[in-house]
Amino acid sequence: MTEQESVLVLLKYLMSKFISLETLEKTMIGKTVNKLAKSTQMSPEVKTLAVELVEIWKETAKNHRKQKKEEERDRKEKRKLQRLEDSKKKMRKIFKTYRDETIAPPCASLISQNAVKKKKTVLEMFQKR
């Protein structure tokens, strides 16, 4: 078996297997396969297969990065919503504490001003959605 045939068999084997992004990063096999794709000594069949393999791996890496970004965005949104909900709970607790008293809560004037600006009543601002 010639060197070209051996390389072709190995490339076909790699094409048939799923290789994780972690493995691609650790082994740096993409660089080796990319060199085969650019080599002037390899047959067109080897070059074509090497190019296809590199493109598949690049797409895998791109999809992985995209998925990670979406997961991070979801985590941030979830934390943001949780902080907002926690703030609403605290404000409801403050209003509940002062509800039956004749004095207004310390932040009532500020909240009232915001409610007026947003054309909502103070109670509407703190009701659950």
Foldseek 3Di string as FASTA:
>chain_A
DDPLVVLLVVLVVLVVDDDAPVRCVVVVVLVVLCCQLVDPPHDPSSNVSSVVSNVVSVVNVVVVVVVVVVVVVVVVVVVVVVVVVVVLVVVVVQCVVCVPPPDDRPCVVVLCVVCVVVVHHSVVVNDDD
